[in-house]
C-alpha atoms as a PDB file:
ATOM      1  CA  MET A   1     -20.696  66.657 121.730  1.00  0.00           C
ATOM      2  CA  ALA A   2     -19.773  63.568 123.451  1.00  0.00           C
ATOM      3  CA  ASP A   3     -18.362  63.729 126.984  1.00  0.00           C
ATOM      4  CA  TRP A   4     -14.695  62.144 126.247  1.00  0.00           C
ATOM      5  CA  GLN A   5     -13.287  62.742 129.344  1.00  0.00           C
ATOM      6  CA  ALA A   6     -12.755  60.161 132.050  1.00  0.00           C
ATOM      7  CA  GLY A   7     -14.955  60.818 135.176  1.00  0.00           C
ATOM      8  CA  THR A   8     -11.985  60.439 137.507  1.00  0.00           C
ATOM      9  CA  ASP A   9      -9.157  62.893 138.178  1.00  0.00           C
ATOM     10  CA  LEU A  10      -5.290  62.012 138.247  1.00  0.00           C
ATOM     11  CA  ASN A  11      -5.226  61.622 142.061  1.00  0.00           C
ATOM     12  CA  MET A  12      -7.937  58.758 141.938  1.00  0.00           C
ATOM     13  CA  LEU A  13      -6.140  57.193 138.895  1.00  0.00           C
ATOM     14  CA  GLN A  14      -2.872  57.489 141.178  1.00  0.00           C
ATOM     15  CA  LEU A  15      -5.075  56.120 144.420  1.00  0.00           C
ATOM     16  CA  ARG A  16      -6.179  52.929 142.491  1.00  0.00           C
ATOM     17  CA  ALA A  17      -2.799  52.391 141.016  1.00  0.00           C
ATOM     18  CA  ARG A  18      -1.107  52.378 144.573  1.00  0.00           C
ATOM     19  CA  MET A  19      -3.805  50.334 145.884  1.00  0.00           C
ATOM     20  CA  LEU A  20      -3.251  47.660 142.964  1.00  0.00           C
ATOM     21  CA  SER A  21       0.657  47.849 143.663  1.00  0.00           C
ATOM     22  CA  ASP A  22       0.060  47.108 147.507  1.00  0.00           C
ATOM     23  CA  ILE A  23      -2.270  44.304 146.954  1.00  0.00           C
ATOM     24  CA  ARG A  24       0.429  42.739 144.652  1.00  0.00           C
ATOM     25  CA  ALA A  25       3.141  43.293 147.507  1.00  0.00           C
ATOM     26  CA  PHE A  26       0.912  41.822 150.064  1.00  0.00           C
ATOM     27  CA  PHE A  27       0.302  38.455 148.053  1.00  0.00           C
ATOM     28  CA  ALA A  28       4.248  38.659 147.206  1.00  0.00           C
ATOM     29  CA  GLU A  29       4.912  38.700 150.845  1.00  0.00           C
ATOM     30  CA  ARG A  30       2.910  35.727 151.388  1.00  0.00           C
ATOM     31  CA  ASP A  31       3.930  33.652 148.043  1.00  0.00           C
ATOM     32  CA  VAL A  32       0.809  33.667 146.866  1.00  0.00           C
ATOM     33  CA  LEU A  33       1.027  33.496 142.707  1.00  0.00           C
ATOM     34  CA  GLU A  34      -0.871  36.079 140.682  1.00  0.00           C
ATOM     35  CA  VAL A  35      -2.841  34.053 137.616  1.00  0.00           C
ATOM     36  CA  GLU A  36      -4.861  35.199 134.785  1.00  0.00           C
ATOM     37  CA  THR A  37      -7.625  33.222 133.359  1.00  0.00           C
ATOM     38  CA  PRO A  38     -10.365  33.981 130.720  1.00  0.00           C
ATOM     39  CA  VAL A  39     -13.045  36.639 130.609  1.00  0.00           C
ATOM     40  CA  LEU A  40     -14.848  34.627 128.211  1.00  0.00           C
ATOM     41  CA  SER A  41     -16.598  31.206 129.129  1.00  0.00           C
ATOM     42  CA  ARG A  42     -18.602  28.621 127.248  1.00  0.00           C
ATOM     43  CA  TYR A  43     -20.653  28.403 130.959  1.00  0.00           C
ATOM     44  CA  ALA A  44     -22.018  30.525 133.049  1.00  0.00           C
ATOM     45  CA  THR A  45     -23.275  31.128 136.690  1.00  0.00           C
ATOM     46  CA  THR A  46     -26.044  29.521 137.858  1.00  0.00           C
ATOM     47  CA  ASP A  47     -26.845  31.782 140.661  1.00  0.00           C
ATOM     48  CA  LEU A  48     -30.445  32.853 140.640  1.00  0.00           C
ATOM     49  CA  HIS A  49     -29.364  36.478 141.774  1.00  0.00           C
ATOM     50  CA  LEU A  50     -26.888  36.772 139.438  1.00  0.00           C
ATOM     51  CA  ASP A  51     -26.930  37.386 135.639  1.00  0.00           C
ATOM     52  CA  SER A  52     -24.287  36.719 132.943  1.00  0.00           C
ATOM     53  CA  MET A  53     -23.673  38.920 130.048  1.00  0.00           C
ATOM     54  CA  ARG A  54     -23.917  37.235 126.654  1.00  0.00           C
ATOM     55  CA  CYS A  55     -21.586  37.631 123.411  1.00  0.00           C
ATOM     56  CA  HIS A  56     -20.831  35.660 120.119  1.00  0.00           C
ATOM     57  CA  VAL A  57     -17.648  34.986 118.523  1.00  0.00           C
ATOM     58  CA  GLY A  58     -17.599  32.900 115.433  1.00  0.00           C
ATOM     59  CA  GLY A  59     -21.302  32.301 115.679  1.00  0.00           C
ATOM     60  CA  ARG A  60     -21.043  30.565 118.896  1.00  0.00           C
ATOM     61  CA  ARG A  61     -22.318  31.890 122.245  1.00  0.00           C
ATOM     62  CA  TYR A  62     -19.971  32.695 124.868  1.00  0.00           C
ATOM     63  CA  PHE A  63     -20.492  34.319 128.793  1.00  0.00           C
ATOM     64  CA  LEU A  64     -18.760  37.075 130.494  1.00  0.00           C
ATOM     65  CA  ASN A  65     -17.767  35.810 133.587  1.00  0.00           C
ATOM     66  CA  THR A  66     -19.354  37.158 136.768  1.00  0.00           C
ATOM     67  CA  SER A  67     -16.297  36.136 138.530  1.00  0.00           C
ATOM     68  CA  PRO A  68     -13.081  34.044 137.808  1.00  0.00           C
ATOM     69  CA  GLU A  69     -14.175  31.862 140.388  1.00  0.00           C
ATOM     70  CA  TYR A  70     -14.610  28.449 138.177  1.00  0.00           C
ATOM     71  CA  ALA A  71     -11.018  28.582 136.301  1.00  0.00           C
ATOM     72  CA  MET A  72      -9.092  29.197 139.363  1.00  0.00           C
ATOM     73  CA  LYS A  73     -10.896  26.717 141.119  1.00  0.00           C
ATOM     74  CA  ARG A  74      -9.258  24.394 137.880  1.00  0.00           C
ATOM     75  CA  LEU A  75      -5.820  25.685 138.717  1.00  0.00           C
ATOM     76  CA  LEU A  76      -6.224  25.141 142.172  1.00  0.00           C
ATOM     77  CA  ALA A  77      -7.208  21.632 141.278  1.00  0.00           C
ATOM     78  CA  GLN A  78      -4.189  21.116 138.927  1.00  0.00           C
ATOM     79  CA  HIS A  79      -1.576  22.837 141.083  1.00  0.00           C
ATOM     80  CA  LYS A  80      -2.858  22.968 144.817  1.00  0.00           C
ATOM     81  CA  LEU A  81      -0.871  26.714 145.240  1.00  0.00           C
ATOM     82  CA  PRO A  82      -2.146  29.388 146.606  1.00  0.00           C
ATOM     83  CA  ILE A  83      -3.299  31.872 143.981  1.00  0.00           C
ATOM     84  CA  TYR A  84      -5.023  35.120 143.478  1.00  0.00           C
ATOM     85  CA  GLN A  85      -6.033  37.788 140.516  1.00  0.00           C
ATOM     86  CA  VAL A  86      -6.971  40.965 139.683  1.00  0.00           C
ATOM     87  CA  SER A  87      -9.997  40.758 136.970  1.00  0.00           C
ATOM     88  CA  ARG A  88     -12.045  42.891 134.913  1.00  0.00           C
ATOM     89  CA  VAL A  89     -15.939  41.082 135.811  1.00  0.00           C
ATOM     90  CA  PHE A  90     -19.232  41.577 134.206  1.00  0.00           C
ATOM     91  CA  ARG A  91     -22.819  41.130 135.813  1.00  0.00           C
ATOM     92  CA  ASP A  92     -25.971  42.124 133.978  1.00  0.00           C
ATOM     93  CA  ASP A  93     -27.493  44.111 136.798  1.00  0.00           C
ATOM     94  CA  GLU A  94     -28.674  47.494 138.121  1.00  0.00           C
ATOM     95  CA  ILE A  95     -26.688  50.625 137.617  1.00  0.00           C
ATOM     96  CA  GLY A  96     -26.274  53.025 140.574  1.00  0.00           C
ATOM     97  CA  GLN A  97     -24.785  54.088 143.326  1.00  0.00           C
ATOM     98  CA  TYR A  98     -22.612  50.936 144.315  1.00  0.00           C
ATOM     99  CA  HIS A  99     -23.028  49.259 140.849  1.00  0.00           C
ATOM    100  CA  ASN A 100     -21.622  49.424 137.643  1.00  0.00           C
ATOM    101  CA  PRO A 101     -21.768  46.265 135.089  1.00  0.00           C
ATOM    102  CA  GLU A 102     -18.124  45.966 134.246  1.00  0.00           C
ATOM    103  CA  PHE A 103     -15.958  46.263 137.851  1.00  0.00           C
ATOM    104  CA  SER A 104     -13.066  45.169 139.027  1.00  0.00           C
ATOM    105  CA  LEU A 105     -12.602  42.275 141.542  1.00  0.00           C
ATOM    106  CA  LEU A 106      -9.798  40.521 143.705  1.00  0.00           C
ATOM    107  CA  GLU A 107     -10.110  36.595 144.174  1.00  0.00           C
ATOM    108  CA  TRP A 108      -7.777  34.726 145.950  1.00  0.00           C
ATOM    109  CA  TYR A 109      -8.130  30.955 147.234  1.00  0.00           C
ATOM    110  CA  ARG A 110      -5.565  29.602 150.054  1.00  0.00           C
ATOM    111  CA  PRO A 111      -4.994  25.968 150.373  1.00  0.00           C
ATOM    112  CA  GLY A 112      -4.951  24.673 154.138  1.00  0.00           C
ATOM    113  CA  LEU A 113      -6.999  27.633 155.269  1.00  0.00           C
ATOM    114  CA  ASP A 114     -10.544  27.397 156.788  1.00  0.00           C
ATOM    115  CA  ASP A 115     -12.749  30.283 156.469  1.00  0.00           C
ATOM    116  CA  VAL A 116     -11.632  32.005 160.232  1.00  0.00           C
ATOM    117  CA  MET A 117      -8.206  32.035 159.130  1.00  0.00           C
ATOM    118  CA  LEU A 118      -8.931  33.512 155.728  1.00  0.00           C
ATOM    119  CA  MET A 119     -11.194  36.477 157.400  1.00  0.00           C
ATOM    120  CA  ASP A 120      -8.075  37.074 159.536  1.00  0.00           C
ATOM    121  CA  GLU A 121      -6.082  37.516 156.369  1.00  0.00           C
ATOM    122  CA  VAL A 122      -8.830  39.902 154.429  1.00  0.00           C
ATOM    123  CA  GLU A 123      -8.580  41.758 157.803  1.00  0.00           C
ATOM    124  CA  ALA A 124      -4.930  42.151 157.415  1.00  0.00           C
ATOM    125  CA  LEU A 125      -5.141  43.022 154.009  1.00  0.00           C
ATOM    126  CA  VAL A 126      -7.878  45.710 154.665  1.00  0.00           C
ATOM    127  CA  LYS A 127      -6.089  47.379 157.468  1.00  0.00           C
ATOM    128  CA  ARG A 128      -2.889  47.762 155.310  1.00  0.00           C
ATOM    129  CA  LEU A 129      -4.717  49.406 152.579  1.00  0.00           C
ATOM    130  CA  TYR A 130      -7.089  51.479 154.801  1.00  0.00           C
ATOM    131  CA  LEU A 131      -4.125  52.777 157.119  1.00  0.00           C
ATOM    132  CA  ARG A 132      -1.476  53.612 154.524  1.00  0.00           C
ATOM    133  CA  ASP A 133       0.003  57.157 154.173  1.00  0.00           C
ATOM    134  CA  ASP A 134      -2.855  58.413 156.720  1.00  0.00           C
ATOM    135  CA  GLY A 135      -1.975  58.909 160.108  1.00  0.00           C
ATOM    136  CA  ARG A 136      -5.203  60.543 161.323  1.00  0.00           C
ATOM    137  CA  ARG A 137      -7.075  57.071 160.601  1.00  0.00           C
ATOM    138  CA  THR A 138      -8.344  54.440 162.866  1.00  0.00           C
ATOM    139  CA  VAL A 139      -9.695  51.289 161.822  1.00  0.00           C
ATOM    140  CA  SER A 140     -12.448  49.289 163.702  1.00  0.00           C
ATOM    141  CA  VAL A 141     -13.067  45.933 162.890  1.00  0.00           C
ATOM    142  CA  GLN A 142     -16.124  43.641 164.310  1.00  0.00           C
ATOM    143  CA  ARG A 143     -17.139  39.944 163.754  1.00  0.00           C
ATOM    144  CA  ILE A 144     -20.747  38.566 164.198  1.00  0.00           C
ATOM    145  CA  SER A 145     -22.490  35.596 163.226  1.00  0.00           C
ATOM    146  CA  TYR A 146     -25.754  35.907 161.045  1.00  0.00           C
ATOM    147  CA  HIS A 147     -27.604  34.236 163.843  1.00  0.00           C
ATOM    148  CA  ASP A 148     -26.387  36.775 166.598  1.00  0.00           C
ATOM    149  CA  ALA A 149     -26.945  39.658 164.083  1.00  0.00           C
ATOM    150  CA  PHE A 150     -30.709  38.741 163.766  1.00  0.00           C
ATOM    151  CA  VAL A 151     -31.155  38.176 167.427  1.00  0.00           C
ATOM    152  CA  LYS A 152     -29.707  41.146 168.474  1.00  0.00           C
ATOM    153  CA  VAL A 153     -31.827  43.430 166.122  1.00  0.00           C
ATOM    154  CA  LEU A 154     -34.888  41.384 165.214  1.00  0.00           C
ATOM    155  CA  GLY A 155     -35.068  38.959 168.234  1.00  0.00           C
ATOM    156  CA  ALA A 156     -35.238  36.051 165.702  1.00  0.00           C
ATOM    157  CA  ASP A 157     -33.509  33.095 164.872  1.00  0.00           C
ATOM    158  CA  PRO A 158     -32.809  33.142 161.146  1.00  0.00           C
ATOM    159  CA  HIS A 159     -32.027  29.687 160.855  1.00  0.00           C
ATOM    160  CA  GLU A 160     -35.777  28.717 162.790  1.00  0.00           C
ATOM    161  CA  VAL A 161     -37.625  31.663 161.367  1.00  0.00           C
ATOM    162  CA  THR A 162     -40.444  31.179 158.715  1.00  0.00           C
ATOM    163  CA  ALA A 163     -40.957  33.116 155.686  1.00  0.00           C
ATOM    164  CA  HIS A 164     -44.789  34.150 157.183  1.00  0.00           C
ATOM    165  CA  GLN A 165     -42.703  35.252 160.361  1.00  0.00           C
ATOM    166  CA  CYS A 166     -40.148  37.163 158.106  1.00  0.00           C
ATOM    167  CA  TYR A 167     -43.250  38.706 156.520  1.00  0.00           C
ATOM    168  CA  GLY A 168     -44.737  39.594 160.227  1.00  0.00           C
ATOM    169  CA  LEU A 169     -41.043  41.633 161.372  1.00  0.00           C
ATOM    170  CA  ALA A 170     -41.242  43.528 158.258  1.00  0.00           C
ATOM    171  CA  VAL A 171     -44.842  44.764 158.954  1.00  0.00           C
ATOM    172  CA  GLU A 172     -43.960  45.413 162.485  1.00  0.00           C
ATOM    173  CA  ARG A 173     -41.051  47.595 161.552  1.00  0.00           C
ATOM    174  CA  GLY A 174     -42.588  49.350 158.686  1.00  0.00           C
ATOM    175  CA  ILE A 175     -40.323  47.798 156.422  1.00  0.00           C
ATOM    176  CA  ASP A 176     -41.555  48.267 152.680  1.00  0.00           C
ATOM    177  CA  ILE A 177     -42.181  44.629 151.318  1.00  0.00           C
ATOM    178  CA  PRO A 178     -40.985  43.949 147.407  1.00  0.00           C
ATOM    179  CA  ARG A 179     -43.614  43.303 144.876  1.00  0.00           C
ATOM    180  CA  GLY A 180     -43.810  39.622 144.329  1.00  0.00           C
ATOM    181  CA  MET A 181     -42.552  38.559 147.531  1.00  0.00           C
ATOM    182  CA  SER A 182     -44.722  36.018 149.400  1.00  0.00           C
ATOM    183  CA  LYS A 183     -45.072  34.381 152.592  1.00  0.00           C
ATOM    184  CA  SER A 184     -43.978  30.777 150.727  1.00  0.00           C
ATOM    185  CA  GLU A 185     -41.559  28.695 152.250  1.00  0.00           C
ATOM    186  CA  SER A 186     -39.858  28.997 149.037  1.00  0.00           C
ATOM    187  CA  ASP A 187     -39.093  32.923 149.485  1.00  0.00           C
ATOM    188  CA  ARG A 188     -37.822  32.496 153.018  1.00  0.00           C
ATOM    189  CA  ASP A 189     -34.031  33.049 151.800  1.00  0.00           C
ATOM    190  CA  ALA A 190     -35.340  35.923 150.042  1.00  0.00           C
ATOM    191  CA  TRP A 191     -37.077  37.124 153.057  1.00  0.00           C
ATOM    192  CA  LEU A 192     -33.671  36.875 155.024  1.00  0.00           C
ATOM    193  CA  ASP A 193     -31.753  38.831 152.414  1.00  0.00           C
ATOM    194  CA  TRP A 194     -34.436  41.547 152.710  1.00  0.00           C
ATOM    195  CA  LEU A 195     -34.215  41.638 156.138  1.00  0.00           C
ATOM    196  CA  LEU A 196     -30.625  41.630 156.415  1.00  0.00           C
ATOM    197  CA  THR A 197     -30.003  44.465 154.100  1.00  0.00           C
ATOM    198  CA  GLN A 198     -33.142  47.002 155.441  1.00  0.00           C
ATOM    199  CA  ALA A 199     -32.796  46.317 159.424  1.00  0.00           C
ATOM    200  CA  VAL A 200     -30.157  43.908 160.475  1.00  0.00           C
ATOM    201  CA  MET A 201     -26.926  45.540 158.982  1.00  0.00           C
ATOM    202  CA  PRO A 202     -27.862  49.098 159.099  1.00  0.00           C
ATOM    203  CA  LEU A 203     -27.937  48.547 163.108  1.00  0.00           C
ATOM    204  CA  VAL A 204     -24.986  46.090 163.408  1.00  0.00           C
ATOM    205  CA  SER A 205     -22.199  47.591 161.212  1.00  0.00           C
ATOM    206  CA  ALA A 206     -21.804  51.475 162.226  1.00  0.00           C
ATOM    207  CA  THR A 207     -20.241  54.019 159.905  1.00  0.00           C
ATOM    208  CA  HIS A 208     -16.956  53.357 159.797  1.00  0.00           C
ATOM    209  CA  VAL A 209     -16.609  50.218 160.683  1.00  0.00           C
ATOM    210  CA  PHE A 210     -15.525  46.834 159.391  1.00  0.00           C
ATOM    211  CA  THR A 211     -18.034  44.237 160.002  1.00  0.00           C
ATOM    212  CA  PHE A 212     -17.441  40.400 159.258  1.00  0.00           C
ATOM    213  CA  LEU A 213     -20.882  38.463 159.167  1.00  0.00           C
ATOM    214  CA  TYR A 214     -20.165  34.778 159.198  1.00  0.00           C
ATOM    215  CA  ASP A 215     -21.727  31.482 159.661  1.00  0.00           C
ATOM    216  CA  TYR A 216     -24.487  31.992 157.067  1.00  0.00           C
ATOM    217  CA  PRO A 217     -27.789  29.695 156.897  1.00  0.00           C
ATOM    218  CA  ALA A 218     -27.356  26.336 155.635  1.00  0.00           C
ATOM    219  CA  THR A 219     -29.641  27.450 152.563  1.00  0.00           C
ATOM    220  CA  GLN A 220     -27.465  30.173 151.585  1.00  0.00           C
ATOM    221  CA  ALA A 221     -24.295  27.957 150.941  1.00  0.00           C
ATOM    222  CA  ALA A 222     -23.703  28.626 147.464  1.00  0.00           C
ATOM    223  CA  LEU A 223     -20.420  27.449 146.767  1.00  0.00           C
ATOM    224  CA  ALA A 224     -19.341  27.186 150.405  1.00  0.00           C
ATOM    225  CA  ALA A 225     -18.990  24.084 152.425  1.00  0.00           C
ATOM    226  CA  ILE A 226     -21.829  22.868 155.372  1.00  0.00           C
ATOM    227  CA  ALA A 227     -20.433  22.050 158.768  1.00  0.00           C
ATOM    228  CA  PRO A 228     -21.495  22.445 162.095  1.00  0.00           C
ATOM    229  CA  ASN A 229     -20.812  25.482 164.211  1.00  0.00           C
ATOM    230  CA  GLY A 230     -20.014  26.157 167.652  1.00  0.00           C
ATOM    231  CA  ALA A 231     -23.238  24.989 168.651  1.00  0.00           C
ATOM    232  CA  GLY A 232     -23.628  22.417 166.887  1.00  0.00           C
ATOM    233  CA  ARG A 233     -25.505  23.691 164.177  1.00  0.00           C
ATOM    234  CA  GLU A 234     -25.504  23.008 160.637  1.00  0.00           C
ATOM    235  CA  VAL A 235     -24.449  26.158 158.767  1.00  0.00           C
ATOM    236  CA  ALA A 236     -22.819  27.591 155.305  1.00  0.00           C
ATOM    237  CA  LYS A 237     -19.144  28.202 156.215  1.00  0.00           C
ATOM    238  CA  ARG A 238     -18.959  31.628 154.379  1.00  0.00           C
ATOM    239  CA  PHE A 239     -18.519  35.210 155.711  1.00  0.00           C
ATOM    240  CA  GLU A 240     -19.483  38.634 153.973  1.00  0.00           C
ATOM    241  CA  LEU A 241     -17.461  41.667 154.906  1.00  0.00           C
ATOM    242  CA  PHE A 242     -19.054  45.306 155.212  1.00  0.00           C
ATOM    243  CA  PHE A 243     -17.807  48.719 155.519  1.00  0.00           C
ATOM    244  CA  GLY A 244     -21.087  50.188 157.242  1.00  0.00           C
ATOM    245  CA  GLU A 245     -23.622  48.944 154.982  1.00  0.00           C
ATOM    246  CA  LEU A 246     -21.685  48.608 152.004  1.00  0.00           C
ATOM    247  CA  GLU A 247     -20.876  44.993 151.066  1.00  0.00           C
ATOM    248  CA  LEU A 248     -16.947  44.569 150.226  1.00  0.00           C
ATOM    249  CA  ALA A 249     -16.269  40.675 149.949  1.00  0.00           C
ATOM    250  CA  ASN A 250     -17.984  37.449 150.445  1.00  0.00           C
ATOM    251  CA  GLY A 251     -15.762  34.595 151.304  1.00  0.00           C
ATOM    252  CA  PHE A 252     -16.207  30.562 151.590  1.00  0.00           C
ATOM    253  CA  LEU A 253     -14.758  27.427 152.736  1.00  0.00           C
ATOM    254  CA  GLU A 254     -15.042  25.970 149.657  1.00  0.00           C
ATOM    255  CA  LEU A 255     -17.179  23.167 148.515  1.00  0.00           C
ATOM    256  CA  THR A 256     -15.047  20.142 146.915  1.00  0.00           C
ATOM    257  CA  ASP A 257     -17.525  17.483 146.569  1.00  0.00           C
ATOM    258  CA  ALA A 258     -18.382  17.308 142.882  1.00  0.00           C
ATOM    259  CA  ASP A 259     -21.473  15.360 143.480  1.00  0.00           C
ATOM    260  CA  GLU A 260     -23.000  17.973 145.820  1.00  0.00           C
ATOM    261  CA  GLN A 261     -21.679  20.828 143.696  1.00  0.00           C
ATOM    262  CA  ARG A 262     -23.789  19.362 140.459  1.00  0.00           C
ATOM    263  CA  ARG A 263     -26.910  19.180 142.752  1.00  0.00           C
ATOM    264  CA  ARG A 264     -26.507  22.767 143.571  1.00  0.00           C
ATOM    265  CA  PHE A 265     -25.942  23.847 140.229  1.00  0.00           C
ATOM    266  CA  GLU A 266     -29.222  21.807 139.067  1.00  0.00           C
ATOM    267  CA  ARG A 267     -31.477  23.461 142.081  1.00  0.00           C
ATOM    268  CA  ASP A 268     -30.034  27.117 141.296  1.00  0.00           C
ATOM    269  CA  ASN A 269     -31.415  26.402 137.671  1.00  0.00           C
ATOM    270  CA  ARG A 270     -34.761  24.873 138.907  1.00  0.00           C
ATOM    271  CA  LEU A 271     -34.796  28.302 140.946  1.00  0.00           C
ATOM    272  CA  ARG A 272     -33.981  30.108 138.026  1.00  0.00           C
ATOM    273  CA  GLN A 273     -36.783  28.765 135.672  1.00  0.00           C
ATOM    274  CA  ALA A 274     -39.244  29.256 138.546  1.00  0.00           C
ATOM    275  CA  ALA A 275     -38.437  32.819 138.271  1.00  0.00           C
ATOM    276  CA  GLY A 276     -38.893  33.355 134.835  1.00  0.00           C
ATOM    277  CA  LYS A 277     -35.368  33.192 134.186  1.00  0.00           C
ATOM    278  CA  GLU A 278     -33.334  30.864 131.533  1.00  0.00           C
ATOM    279  CA  ALA A 279     -31.381  28.046 132.910  1.00  0.00           C
ATOM    280  CA  MET A 280     -27.742  28.592 132.677  1.00  0.00           C
ATOM    281  CA  PRO A 281     -25.343  25.966 130.979  1.00  0.00           C
ATOM    282  CA  VAL A 282     -23.365  24.232 133.925  1.00  0.00           C
ATOM    283  CA  ASP A 283     -19.640  24.272 134.190  1.00  0.00           C
ATOM    284  CA  GLU A 284     -18.416  20.633 133.503  1.00  0.00           C
ATOM    285  CA  TYR A 285     -15.139  21.649 133.408  1.00  0.00           C
ATOM    286  CA  LEU A 286     -15.154  22.855 136.932  1.00  0.00           C
ATOM    287  CA  LEU A 287     -16.863  19.578 137.970  1.00  0.00           C
ATOM    288  CA  ASP A 288     -14.271  17.463 136.496  1.00  0.00           C
ATOM    289  CA  ALA A 289     -11.860  19.525 138.624  1.00  0.00           C
ATOM    290  CA  LEU A 290     -13.532  18.985 141.848  1.00  0.00           C
ATOM    291  CA  ALA A 291     -13.853  15.213 140.925  1.00  0.00           C
ATOM    292  CA  HIS A 292     -10.108  14.980 139.949  1.00  0.00           C
ATOM    293  CA  GLY A 293      -9.594  16.677 143.976  1.00  0.00           C
ATOM    294  CA  MET A 294      -9.689  20.105 144.741  1.00  0.00           C
ATOM    295  CA  PRO A 295      -7.543  21.018 148.086  1.00  0.00           C
ATOM    296  CA  SER A 296      -9.357  22.360 151.249  1.00  0.00           C
ATOM    297  CA  SER A 297      -9.321  25.668 150.708  1.00  0.00           C
ATOM    298  CA  ALA A 298     -10.914  28.822 151.639  1.00  0.00           C
ATOM    299  CA  GLY A 299     -11.563  31.804 148.976  1.00  0.00           C
ATOM    300  CA  VAL A 300     -12.881  35.032 148.734  1.00  0.00           C
ATOM    301  CA  ALA A 301     -13.885  37.883 146.375  1.00  0.00           C
ATOM    302  CA  LEU A 302     -13.277  41.310 147.105  1.00  0.00           C
ATOM    303  CA  GLY A 303     -14.508  44.298 145.065  1.00  0.00           C
ATOM    304  CA  LEU A 304     -12.084  46.510 144.121  1.00  0.00           C
ATOM    305  CA  ASP A 305     -13.804  49.736 143.191  1.00  0.00           C
ATOM    306  CA  ARG A 306     -16.066  49.583 146.492  1.00  0.00           C
ATOM    307  CA  LEU A 307     -13.110  49.024 148.338  1.00  0.00           C
ATOM    308  CA  LEU A 308     -11.723  52.190 146.485  1.00  0.00           C
ATOM    309  CA  MET A 309     -14.810  53.905 147.604  1.00  0.00           C
ATOM    310  CA  VAL A 310     -13.975  53.278 150.993  1.00  0.00           C
ATOM    311  CA  LEU A 311     -10.138  54.413 150.635  1.00  0.00           C
ATOM    312  CA  SER A 312     -10.960  57.574 149.086  1.00  0.00           C
ATOM    313  CA  ASP A 313     -14.213  58.379 151.159  1.00  0.00           C
ATOM    314  CA  SER A 314     -16.288  58.499 148.115  1.00  0.00           C
ATOM    315  CA  GLU A 315     -19.979  58.278 148.194  1.00  0.00           C
ATOM    316  CA  SER A 316     -20.946  56.577 144.502  1.00  0.00           C
ATOM    317  CA  ILE A 317     -18.787  54.272 142.480  1.00  0.00           C
ATOM    318  CA  ASP A 318     -18.806  56.670 139.919  1.00  0.00           C
ATOM    319  CA  LYS A 319     -16.383  58.450 141.623  1.00  0.00           C
ATOM    320  CA  VAL A 320     -13.650  55.666 141.344  1.00  0.00           C
ATOM    321  CA  ILE A 321     -14.140  54.461 138.145  1.00  0.00           C
ATOM    322  CA  GLY A 322     -12.766  56.497 135.167  1.00  0.00           C
ATOM    323  CA  PHE A 323     -15.419  55.249 132.712  1.00  0.00           C
ATOM    324  CA  THR A 324     -18.775  53.953 133.549  1.00  0.00           C
ATOM    325  CA  VAL A 325     -20.938  52.254 131.502  1.00  0.00           C
ATOM    326  CA  ASP A 326     -22.822  55.742 130.515  1.00  0.00           C
ATOM    327  CA  ASN A 327     -19.665  56.932 129.264  1.00  0.00           C
ATOM    328  CA  ALA A 328     -17.687  53.689 128.324  1.00  0.00           C
END
């Protein structure tokens, strides 16, 4: 007999509802407009590390969005107003302690703000949700640059280190080396990602501490603008928020150059093909919106299921999702 009941109890459902209510109140106070955009799209993400789910409607291929980003940026280019959205998104990814293929994402965009100012707003929201109705809790928040985190833990400059040197750092510290990872410079960013998760964040972000990691290497810009940091080095103006080692959010000072965005999409697809993956259709609507003119903005995506794990002190995502993929 099928297990038809939800995997969460009434208290968790109420906590989720309260979290969503508080989020909407937070943005209402700041005159940020709630919007809705489609879940289905003719286009998909080109990101090497993300895979879109496919479906067919009327014989035509569509993709389930991994994020509402592209459509929200089209609204931003058209109306030039601060906007946010709570949406369901889909990623053909691993299933495990922190992953479910369908999950809830909070995404928002703030014209006129930069990445540092948006970190301030993310911190304000997280503190409000984390401290609500619990006088026993305190909150610790720290900020550290990608460069300083690597130097502190590994003694290596992530903007200068080579793939071969990354391999040596992994061997020195007894870090397992993923199958297929080479010493070739084409794997340099993969090495940095691996060292970040396996060595850096476990020592930089303590348990029950919110940590903002910012100013990523320029080669990891994704959809972020590239600009000089305080030391004059070109960096990707993006940040990630962690709670301990758990990644919660990813934010950018958004790229607004349509030609550069097209080049990045094309580069992503070349990387996908080199990795044996299918090249994805580039979102021409987004590129047209950028060419029309999107205001200088900062944007961020915050995983709500993982945030609910933090708010409820849950150890796995299946404790906060009513119906995971296994009993959907």
